[in-house]
Amino acid sequence: MIANNQNRSTMILDQLSQWPRYARLHPRFAAAFRYLETLTPQTPVGRVELAGNDLFVSVQTYPTRPVEQCRFEAHRQYADIQFLITGREQILWSPLPATTAPYNAEKDILFFATPAVATPLHLVAGQFAVFFPADGHAPGCDLSGTATVLKAVVKVRL
């Protein structure tokens, strides 16, 4: 899918080896994906700035949760590239509905009620998903039971 309008839903799910297909979607995507290629299961948890607040990575580890405990979120200023280094998880996806949910500009996040219909995305190590502002998503959900994941979330300022 081509991301040419921030108001359209343009979610992407693919293998990291396929990232060159998506580099043209945003000027900072190539740098983001090249960085993801360097990550290993030994990558430490923490924040890495690739281009200040315009492009940064948060490496995190956590146990997945039951779907009922996952919260839908969306962003306005950034696209998320969520990449699984180890583990497996389910991310629920839905186009962002019209919502009056409060937006936290400092953290660039809004949480909203689980939509009536959501598409489950199954991610395993080596896969990534890209979420643009029109893409509501609920990350960190169990996929065939609880698992501990090591994940990198790249924030790309749009």
N, C-alpha and C. Protein backbone atom coordinates (compact mmCIF):
# COMPACT_ATOMS: atom_id res chain seq x y z
N MET A 1 0.83 -1.17 0.00
CA MET A 1 0.00 0.00 0.00
C MET A 1 0.88 1.24 0.00
N ILE A 2 0.43 2.30 -0.62
CA ILE A 2 1.17 3.54 -0.69
C ILE A 2 0.59 4.53 0.30
N ALA A 3 1.44 5.07 1.16
CA ALA A 3 1.00 6.03 2.17
C ALA A 3 1.15 7.43 1.63
N ASN A 4 0.13 7.91 0.96
CA ASN A 4 0.21 9.25 0.40
C ASN A 4 -0.74 10.22 1.08
N ASN A 5 -1.46 9.77 2.09
CA ASN A 5 -2.39 10.63 2.79
C ASN A 5 -2.49 10.14 4.23
N GLN A 6 -2.13 10.99 5.18
CA GLN A 6 -2.12 10.59 6.58
C GLN A 6 -3.52 10.26 7.10
N ASN A 7 -4.56 10.68 6.41
CA ASN A 7 -5.91 10.41 6.86
C ASN A 7 -6.45 9.09 6.36
N ARG A 8 -5.69 8.38 5.54
CA ARG A 8 -6.13 7.09 5.03
C ARG A 8 -5.42 5.99 5.79
N SER A 9 -6.10 4.90 5.95
CA SER A 9 -5.52 3.75 6.62
C SER A 9 -4.54 3.06 5.67
N THR A 10 -3.31 2.86 6.12
CA THR A 10 -2.27 2.35 5.24
C THR A 10 -1.38 1.32 5.94
N MET A 11 -1.88 0.60 6.89
CA MET A 11 -1.11 -0.36 7.65
C MET A 11 -0.35 -1.31 6.72
N ILE A 12 0.88 -1.70 7.16
CA ILE A 12 1.72 -2.62 6.41
C ILE A 12 2.15 -3.73 7.36
N LEU A 13 2.19 -4.97 6.87
CA LEU A 13 2.73 -6.11 7.61
C LEU A 13 3.61 -6.88 6.65
N ASP A 14 4.88 -7.14 7.05
CA ASP A 14 5.79 -7.84 6.14
C ASP A 14 7.01 -8.36 6.91
N GLN A 15 7.86 -9.06 6.19
CA GLN A 15 9.15 -9.54 6.69
C GLN A 15 10.17 -8.41 6.58
N LEU A 16 11.10 -8.32 7.52
CA LEU A 16 12.09 -7.26 7.47
C LEU A 16 12.88 -7.28 6.16
N SER A 17 13.12 -8.45 5.60
CA SER A 17 13.88 -8.54 4.35
C SER A 17 13.19 -7.81 3.19
N GLN A 18 11.93 -7.52 3.32
CA GLN A 18 11.16 -6.85 2.26
C GLN A 18 11.12 -5.33 2.41
N TRP A 19 11.83 -4.77 3.37
CA TRP A 19 11.72 -3.34 3.65
C TRP A 19 12.00 -2.43 2.46
N PRO A 20 12.90 -2.79 1.52
CA PRO A 20 13.14 -1.85 0.41
C PRO A 20 11.87 -1.49 -0.38
N ARG A 21 10.86 -2.35 -0.35
CA ARG A 21 9.59 -2.03 -1.02
C ARG A 21 8.94 -0.78 -0.46
N TYR A 22 9.22 -0.47 0.80
CA TYR A 22 8.51 0.59 1.51
C TYR A 22 9.37 1.83 1.75
N ALA A 23 10.62 1.80 1.36
CA ALA A 23 11.53 2.92 1.63
C ALA A 23 11.04 4.23 1.02
N ARG A 24 10.36 4.16 -0.10
CA ARG A 24 9.91 5.39 -0.77
C ARG A 24 8.69 6.03 -0.11
N LEU A 25 8.11 5.37 0.87
CA LEU A 25 6.91 5.92 1.51
C LEU A 25 7.20 7.14 2.39
N HIS A 26 8.42 7.22 2.87
CA HIS A 26 8.80 8.37 3.71
C HIS A 26 10.32 8.51 3.67
N PRO A 27 10.84 9.74 3.66
CA PRO A 27 12.29 9.94 3.56
C PRO A 27 13.10 9.31 4.70
N ARG A 28 12.49 9.08 5.86
CA ARG A 28 13.24 8.49 6.98
C ARG A 28 13.09 6.97 7.09
N PHE A 29 12.26 6.37 6.26
CA PHE A 29 12.04 4.93 6.37
C PHE A 29 13.31 4.11 6.11
N ALA A 30 14.10 4.46 5.13
CA ALA A 30 15.29 3.66 4.81
C ALA A 30 16.23 3.61 6.01
N ALA A 31 16.47 4.74 6.65
CA ALA A 31 17.35 4.76 7.83
C ALA A 31 16.76 3.92 8.96
N ALA A 32 15.46 4.00 9.13
CA ALA A 32 14.80 3.21 10.18
C ALA A 32 14.99 1.71 9.93
N PHE A 33 14.72 1.28 8.72
CA PHE A 33 14.82 -0.15 8.42
C PHE A 33 16.27 -0.63 8.45
N ARG A 34 17.20 0.18 7.99
CA ARG A 34 18.61 -0.22 8.06
C ARG A 34 19.03 -0.44 9.52
N TYR A 35 18.54 0.42 10.40
CA TYR A 35 18.85 0.24 11.82
C TYR A 35 18.23 -1.06 12.33
N LEU A 36 16.99 -1.33 11.97
CA LEU A 36 16.35 -2.57 12.43
C LEU A 36 17.14 -3.80 12.00
N GLU A 37 17.78 -3.75 10.84
CA GLU A 37 18.58 -4.89 10.37
C GLU A 37 19.77 -5.19 11.28
N THR A 38 20.18 -4.23 12.10
CA THR A 38 21.35 -4.43 12.96
C THR A 38 20.98 -5.07 14.30
N LEU A 39 19.71 -5.18 14.62
CA LEU A 39 19.28 -5.65 15.93
C LEU A 39 19.40 -7.16 16.05
N THR A 40 19.76 -7.61 17.25
CA THR A 40 19.91 -9.03 17.56
C THR A 40 19.19 -9.33 18.87
N PRO A 41 19.04 -10.59 19.22
CA PRO A 41 18.44 -10.91 20.52
C PRO A 41 19.23 -10.36 21.71
N GLN A 42 20.47 -9.95 21.50
CA GLN A 42 21.28 -9.37 22.57
C GLN A 42 21.15 -7.84 22.64
N THR A 43 20.36 -7.24 21.79
CA THR A 43 20.18 -5.79 21.79
C THR A 43 19.62 -5.34 23.13
N PRO A 44 20.27 -4.35 23.77
CA PRO A 44 19.76 -3.90 25.06
C PRO A 44 18.47 -3.07 24.93
N VAL A 45 17.68 -3.12 25.97
CA VAL A 45 16.45 -2.34 26.06
C VAL A 45 16.83 -0.88 26.24
N GLY A 46 16.06 0.00 25.62
CA GLY A 46 16.29 1.43 25.79
C GLY A 46 15.96 2.21 24.54
N ARG A 47 16.21 3.52 24.62
CA ARG A 47 15.92 4.43 23.52
C ARG A 47 17.20 4.75 22.76
N VAL A 48 17.09 4.74 21.44
CA VAL A 48 18.20 5.12 20.57
C VAL A 48 17.69 6.19 19.62
N GLU A 49 18.37 7.34 19.60
CA GLU A 49 17.98 8.41 18.69
C GLU A 49 18.78 8.28 17.41
N LEU A 50 18.07 8.16 16.31
CA LEU A 50 18.70 8.07 15.00
C LEU A 50 18.76 9.44 14.34
N ALA A 51 17.77 10.29 14.59
CA ALA A 51 17.71 11.66 14.08
C ALA A 51 16.91 12.50 15.07
N GLY A 52 17.35 12.52 16.31
CA GLY A 52 16.66 13.26 17.36
C GLY A 52 15.22 12.81 17.51
N ASN A 53 14.31 13.75 17.69
CA ASN A 53 12.90 13.41 17.84
C ASN A 53 12.20 13.14 16.52
N ASP A 54 12.92 13.28 15.41
CA ASP A 54 12.33 12.96 14.10
C ASP A 54 12.36 11.47 13.80
N LEU A 55 13.31 10.77 14.41
CA LEU A 55 13.46 9.33 14.16
C LEU A 55 14.18 8.71 15.35
N PHE A 56 13.45 7.93 16.13
CA PHE A 56 14.06 7.27 17.28
C PHE A 56 13.44 5.90 17.49
N VAL A 57 14.15 5.08 18.25
CA VAL A 57 13.76 3.69 18.45
C VAL A 57 13.64 3.42 19.95
N SER A 58 12.61 2.72 20.33
CA SER A 58 12.46 2.24 21.70
C SER A 58 12.51 0.71 21.65
N VAL A 59 13.57 0.14 22.23
CA VAL A 59 13.67 -1.31 22.32
C VAL A 59 13.12 -1.70 23.68
N GLN A 60 12.19 -2.65 23.67
CA GLN A 60 11.49 -3.02 24.90
C GLN A 60 11.26 -4.52 24.96
N THR A 61 11.10 -5.00 26.16
CA THR A 61 10.74 -6.40 26.36
C THR A 61 9.57 -6.45 27.33
N TYR A 62 8.65 -7.37 27.06
CA TYR A 62 7.47 -7.50 27.91
C TYR A 62 6.79 -8.83 27.61
N PRO A 63 5.97 -9.31 28.56
CA PRO A 63 5.12 -10.46 28.27
C PRO A 63 3.86 -9.99 27.56
N THR A 64 3.39 -10.75 26.60
CA THR A 64 2.13 -10.40 25.95
C THR A 64 0.98 -10.58 26.94
N ARG A 65 -0.17 -9.97 26.62
CA ARG A 65 -1.33 -9.99 27.51
C ARG A 65 -2.53 -10.59 26.78
N PRO A 66 -3.52 -11.03 27.54
CA PRO A 66 -4.76 -11.47 26.90
C PRO A 66 -5.36 -10.32 26.09
N VAL A 67 -6.01 -10.65 24.99
CA VAL A 67 -6.59 -9.64 24.10
C VAL A 67 -7.48 -8.67 24.86
N GLU A 68 -8.23 -9.15 25.83
CA GLU A 68 -9.15 -8.29 26.58
C GLU A 68 -8.42 -7.18 27.33
N GLN A 69 -7.13 -7.34 27.58
CA GLN A 69 -6.36 -6.34 28.32
C GLN A 69 -5.59 -5.38 27.40
N CYS A 70 -5.66 -5.58 26.12
CA CYS A 70 -4.93 -4.74 25.16
C CYS A 70 -5.75 -3.50 24.84
N ARG A 71 -5.08 -2.35 24.77
CA ARG A 71 -5.76 -1.07 24.52
C ARG A 71 -5.46 -0.58 23.11
N PHE A 72 -6.50 -0.08 22.46
CA PHE A 72 -6.33 0.51 21.14
C PHE A 72 -5.74 1.91 21.28
N GLU A 73 -4.80 2.20 20.39
CA GLU A 73 -4.14 3.50 20.39
C GLU A 73 -3.94 3.97 18.96
N ALA A 74 -3.62 5.25 18.84
CA ALA A 74 -3.27 5.83 17.54
C ALA A 74 -2.38 7.04 17.82
N HIS A 75 -1.73 7.52 16.77
CA HIS A 75 -0.79 8.63 16.88
C HIS A 75 -1.10 9.65 15.79
N ARG A 76 -0.72 10.89 16.01
CA ARG A 76 -0.95 11.93 15.00
C ARG A 76 0.33 12.42 14.34
N GLN A 77 1.41 12.48 15.10
CA GLN A 77 2.66 13.05 14.58
C GLN A 77 3.63 12.01 14.03
N TYR A 78 3.48 10.78 14.44
CA TYR A 78 4.45 9.75 14.09
C TYR A 78 3.78 8.53 13.45
N ALA A 79 4.56 7.86 12.62
CA ALA A 79 4.23 6.50 12.20
C ALA A 79 5.03 5.57 13.11
N ASP A 80 4.46 4.44 13.45
CA ASP A 80 5.16 3.39 14.21
C ASP A 80 5.61 2.31 13.25
N ILE A 81 6.86 1.92 13.38
CA ILE A 81 7.33 0.68 12.75
C ILE A 81 7.62 -0.25 13.92
N GLN A 82 6.80 -1.27 14.09
CA GLN A 82 6.94 -2.21 15.20
C GLN A 82 7.55 -3.50 14.66
N PHE A 83 8.74 -3.82 15.20
CA PHE A 83 9.53 -4.95 14.70
C PHE A 83 9.81 -5.93 15.83
N LEU A 84 9.47 -7.20 15.62
CA LEU A 84 9.74 -8.22 16.63
C LEU A 84 11.14 -8.79 16.42
N ILE A 85 11.98 -8.64 17.44
CA ILE A 85 13.32 -9.20 17.41
C ILE A 85 13.26 -10.65 17.86
N THR A 86 12.55 -10.91 18.94
CA THR A 86 12.31 -12.28 19.41
C THR A 86 10.87 -12.38 19.90
N GLY A 87 10.35 -13.60 19.91
CA GLY A 87 9.02 -13.85 20.43
C GLY A 87 7.95 -13.82 19.36
N ARG A 88 6.71 -13.72 19.84
CA ARG A 88 5.54 -13.67 18.96
C ARG A 88 4.46 -12.87 19.67
N GLU A 89 3.67 -12.15 18.89
CA GLU A 89 2.57 -11.40 19.48
C GLU A 89 1.50 -11.16 18.44
N GLN A 90 0.35 -10.81 18.94
CA GLN A 90 -0.77 -10.42 18.10
C GLN A 90 -0.98 -8.92 18.31
N ILE A 91 -1.19 -8.21 17.20
CA ILE A 91 -1.56 -6.81 17.27
C ILE A 91 -2.91 -6.69 16.58
N LEU A 92 -3.85 -6.11 17.27
CA LEU A 92 -5.16 -5.89 16.65
C LEU A 92 -5.10 -4.57 15.89
N TRP A 93 -5.71 -4.54 14.72
CA TRP A 93 -5.70 -3.36 13.86
C TRP A 93 -7.12 -3.01 13.44
N SER A 94 -7.37 -1.70 13.36
CA SER A 94 -8.64 -1.20 12.84
C SER A 94 -8.41 0.23 12.38
N PRO A 95 -9.03 0.63 11.28
CA PRO A 95 -8.95 2.05 10.92
C PRO A 95 -9.44 2.88 12.09
N LEU A 96 -8.77 4.00 12.31
CA LEU A 96 -9.13 4.87 13.41
C LEU A 96 -10.56 5.37 13.22
N PRO A 97 -11.44 5.09 14.18
CA PRO A 97 -12.82 5.57 14.05
C PRO A 97 -12.90 7.04 14.43
N ALA A 98 -14.01 7.66 14.10
CA ALA A 98 -14.26 9.00 14.62
C ALA A 98 -14.35 8.87 16.13
N THR A 99 -13.55 9.64 16.83
CA THR A 99 -13.51 9.49 18.28
C THR A 99 -13.32 10.84 18.94
N THR A 100 -13.81 10.94 20.14
CA THR A 100 -13.59 12.13 20.96
C THR A 100 -12.62 11.82 22.08
N ALA A 101 -11.89 10.72 21.95
CA ALA A 101 -10.93 10.33 22.98
C ALA A 101 -9.89 11.43 23.15
N PRO A 102 -9.46 11.67 24.37
CA PRO A 102 -8.47 12.72 24.60
C PRO A 102 -7.12 12.35 23.98
N TYR A 103 -6.49 13.33 23.39
CA TYR A 103 -5.19 13.16 22.75
C TYR A 103 -4.11 13.77 23.64
N ASN A 104 -3.05 13.01 23.91
CA ASN A 104 -1.92 13.48 24.69
C ASN A 104 -0.85 13.91 23.70
N ALA A 105 -0.74 15.21 23.45
CA ALA A 105 0.19 15.73 22.45
C ALA A 105 1.65 15.49 22.86
N GLU A 106 1.94 15.56 24.15
CA GLU A 106 3.32 15.35 24.62
C GLU A 106 3.81 13.95 24.29
N LYS A 107 2.94 12.96 24.43
CA LYS A 107 3.30 11.57 24.14
C LYS A 107 2.82 11.11 22.77
N ASP A 108 2.15 11.99 22.04
CA ASP A 108 1.58 11.67 20.73
C ASP A 108 0.80 10.36 20.77
N ILE A 109 -0.20 10.32 21.63
CA ILE A 109 -1.00 9.10 21.73
C ILE A 109 -2.42 9.44 22.14
N LEU A 110 -3.34 8.67 21.60
CA LEU A 110 -4.71 8.69 22.09
C LEU A 110 -5.15 7.24 22.20
N PHE A 111 -5.88 6.96 23.25
CA PHE A 111 -6.43 5.63 23.46
C PHE A 111 -7.92 5.70 23.18
N PHE A 112 -8.46 4.65 22.61
CA PHE A 112 -9.89 4.64 22.31
C PHE A 112 -10.47 3.26 22.53
N ALA A 113 -11.78 3.20 22.60
CA ALA A 113 -12.49 1.94 22.87
C ALA A 113 -12.24 0.93 21.76
N THR A 114 -12.22 -0.32 22.13
CA THR A 114 -12.05 -1.39 21.16
C THR A 114 -13.18 -1.33 20.14
N PRO A 115 -12.84 -1.25 18.85
CA PRO A 115 -13.89 -1.19 17.83
C PRO A 115 -14.64 -2.51 17.72
N ALA A 116 -15.81 -2.45 17.12
CA ALA A 116 -16.64 -3.65 16.96
C ALA A 116 -15.93 -4.70 16.10
N VAL A 117 -15.17 -4.26 15.13
CA VAL A 117 -14.44 -5.17 14.25
C VAL A 117 -12.97 -4.77 14.25
N ALA A 118 -12.10 -5.74 14.52
CA ALA A 118 -10.65 -5.51 14.49
C ALA A 118 -10.00 -6.70 13.82
N THR A 119 -8.97 -6.43 13.06
CA THR A 119 -8.25 -7.48 12.35
C THR A 119 -7.03 -7.90 13.16
N PRO A 120 -6.89 -9.20 13.47
CA PRO A 120 -5.70 -9.65 14.19
C PRO A 120 -4.52 -9.80 13.24
N LEU A 121 -3.38 -9.24 13.63
CA LEU A 121 -2.13 -9.39 12.89
C LEU A 121 -1.22 -10.27 13.74
N HIS A 122 -0.69 -11.30 13.15
CA HIS A 122 0.19 -12.21 13.88
C HIS A 122 1.62 -11.92 13.49
N LEU A 123 2.43 -11.51 14.46
CA LEU A 123 3.83 -11.21 14.21
C LEU A 123 4.72 -12.20 14.95
N VAL A 124 5.75 -12.64 14.25
CA VAL A 124 6.78 -13.48 14.83
C VAL A 124 8.12 -12.79 14.57
N ALA A 125 9.17 -13.28 15.20
CA ALA A 125 10.49 -12.67 15.05
C ALA A 125 10.83 -12.50 13.57
N GLY A 126 11.32 -11.31 13.24
CA GLY A 126 11.70 -11.00 11.87
C GLY A 126 10.64 -10.27 11.08
N GLN A 127 9.47 -10.09 11.66
CA GLN A 127 8.39 -9.39 10.97
C GLN A 127 8.19 -7.99 11.57
N PHE A 128 7.63 -7.10 10.75
CA PHE A 128 7.33 -5.76 11.20
C PHE A 128 5.93 -5.36 10.74
N ALA A 129 5.39 -4.38 11.44
CA ALA A 129 4.13 -3.75 11.04
C ALA A 129 4.34 -2.25 11.11
N VAL A 130 3.77 -1.54 10.14
CA VAL A 130 3.82 -0.08 10.13
C VAL A 130 2.41 0.44 10.34
N PHE A 131 2.28 1.37 11.28
CA PHE A 131 1.00 1.98 11.58
C PHE A 131 1.12 3.49 11.38
N PHE A 132 0.26 4.02 10.53
CA PHE A 132 0.20 5.45 10.26
C PHE A 132 -0.90 6.06 11.12
N PRO A 133 -1.05 7.39 11.13
CA PRO A 133 -2.04 8.03 12.01
C PRO A 133 -3.48 7.52 11.86
N ALA A 134 -3.86 7.03 10.72
CA ALA A 134 -5.23 6.52 10.54
C ALA A 134 -5.38 5.07 10.97
N ASP A 135 -4.29 4.48 11.46
CA ASP A 135 -4.30 3.06 11.84
C ASP A 135 -4.36 2.91 13.35
N GLY A 136 -5.54 2.54 13.85
CA GLY A 136 -5.65 2.19 15.26
C GLY A 136 -5.03 0.83 15.47
N HIS A 137 -4.36 0.64 16.59
CA HIS A 137 -3.71 -0.64 16.84
C HIS A 137 -3.63 -0.91 18.34
N ALA A 138 -3.71 -2.19 18.67
CA ALA A 138 -3.61 -2.65 20.05
C ALA A 138 -2.48 -3.68 20.10
N PRO A 139 -1.26 -3.24 20.44
CA PRO A 139 -0.12 -4.16 20.44
C PRO A 139 -0.02 -4.97 21.73
N GLY A 140 0.89 -5.94 21.70
CA GLY A 140 1.22 -6.69 22.91
C GLY A 140 0.24 -7.75 23.32
N CYS A 141 -0.58 -8.22 22.40
CA CYS A 141 -1.60 -9.23 22.74
C CYS A 141 -1.04 -10.64 22.56
N ASP A 142 -1.58 -11.56 23.35
CA ASP A 142 -1.19 -12.97 23.25
C ASP A 142 -1.47 -13.52 21.86
N LEU A 143 -0.58 -14.36 21.41
CA LEU A 143 -0.77 -15.14 20.19
C LEU A 143 -0.48 -16.57 20.58
N SER A 144 -1.49 -17.39 20.67
CA SER A 144 -1.37 -18.78 21.14
C SER A 144 -0.63 -18.87 22.47
N GLY A 145 -1.10 -18.08 23.42
CA GLY A 145 -0.53 -18.09 24.77
C GLY A 145 0.43 -16.94 25.00
N THR A 146 0.74 -16.73 26.26
CA THR A 146 1.64 -15.65 26.63
C THR A 146 3.05 -15.95 26.16
N ALA A 147 3.73 -14.91 25.68
CA ALA A 147 5.12 -15.03 25.25
C ALA A 147 5.84 -13.75 25.68
N THR A 148 7.13 -13.87 25.90
CA THR A 148 7.95 -12.70 26.16
C THR A 148 8.56 -12.26 24.84
N VAL A 149 8.40 -10.98 24.53
CA VAL A 149 8.92 -10.47 23.28
C VAL A 149 10.04 -9.47 23.54
N LEU A 150 10.92 -9.37 22.57
CA LEU A 150 11.89 -8.28 22.48
C LEU A 150 11.51 -7.56 21.21
N LYS A 151 11.17 -6.29 21.34
CA LYS A 151 10.57 -5.55 20.24
C LYS A 151 11.20 -4.18 20.11
N ALA A 152 11.34 -3.74 18.87
CA ALA A 152 11.78 -2.38 18.60
C ALA A 152 10.62 -1.62 17.98
N VAL A 153 10.33 -0.46 18.53
CA VAL A 153 9.30 0.42 17.97
C VAL A 153 10.02 1.68 17.49
N VAL A 154 10.02 1.86 16.18
CA VAL A 154 10.62 3.04 15.58
C VAL A 154 9.53 4.09 15.42
N LYS A 155 9.81 5.28 15.92
CA LYS A 155 8.89 6.41 15.78
C LYS A 155 9.45 7.30 14.67
N VAL A 156 8.65 7.46 13.61
CA VAL A 156 9.05 8.25 12.45
C VAL A 156 8.14 9.47 12.38
N ARG A 157 8.73 10.66 12.61
CA ARG A 157 7.91 11.87 12.53
C ARG A 157 7.48 12.09 11.08
N LEU A 158 6.18 12.31 10.90
CA LEU A 158 5.63 12.50 9.56
C LEU A 158 5.63 13.97 9.18
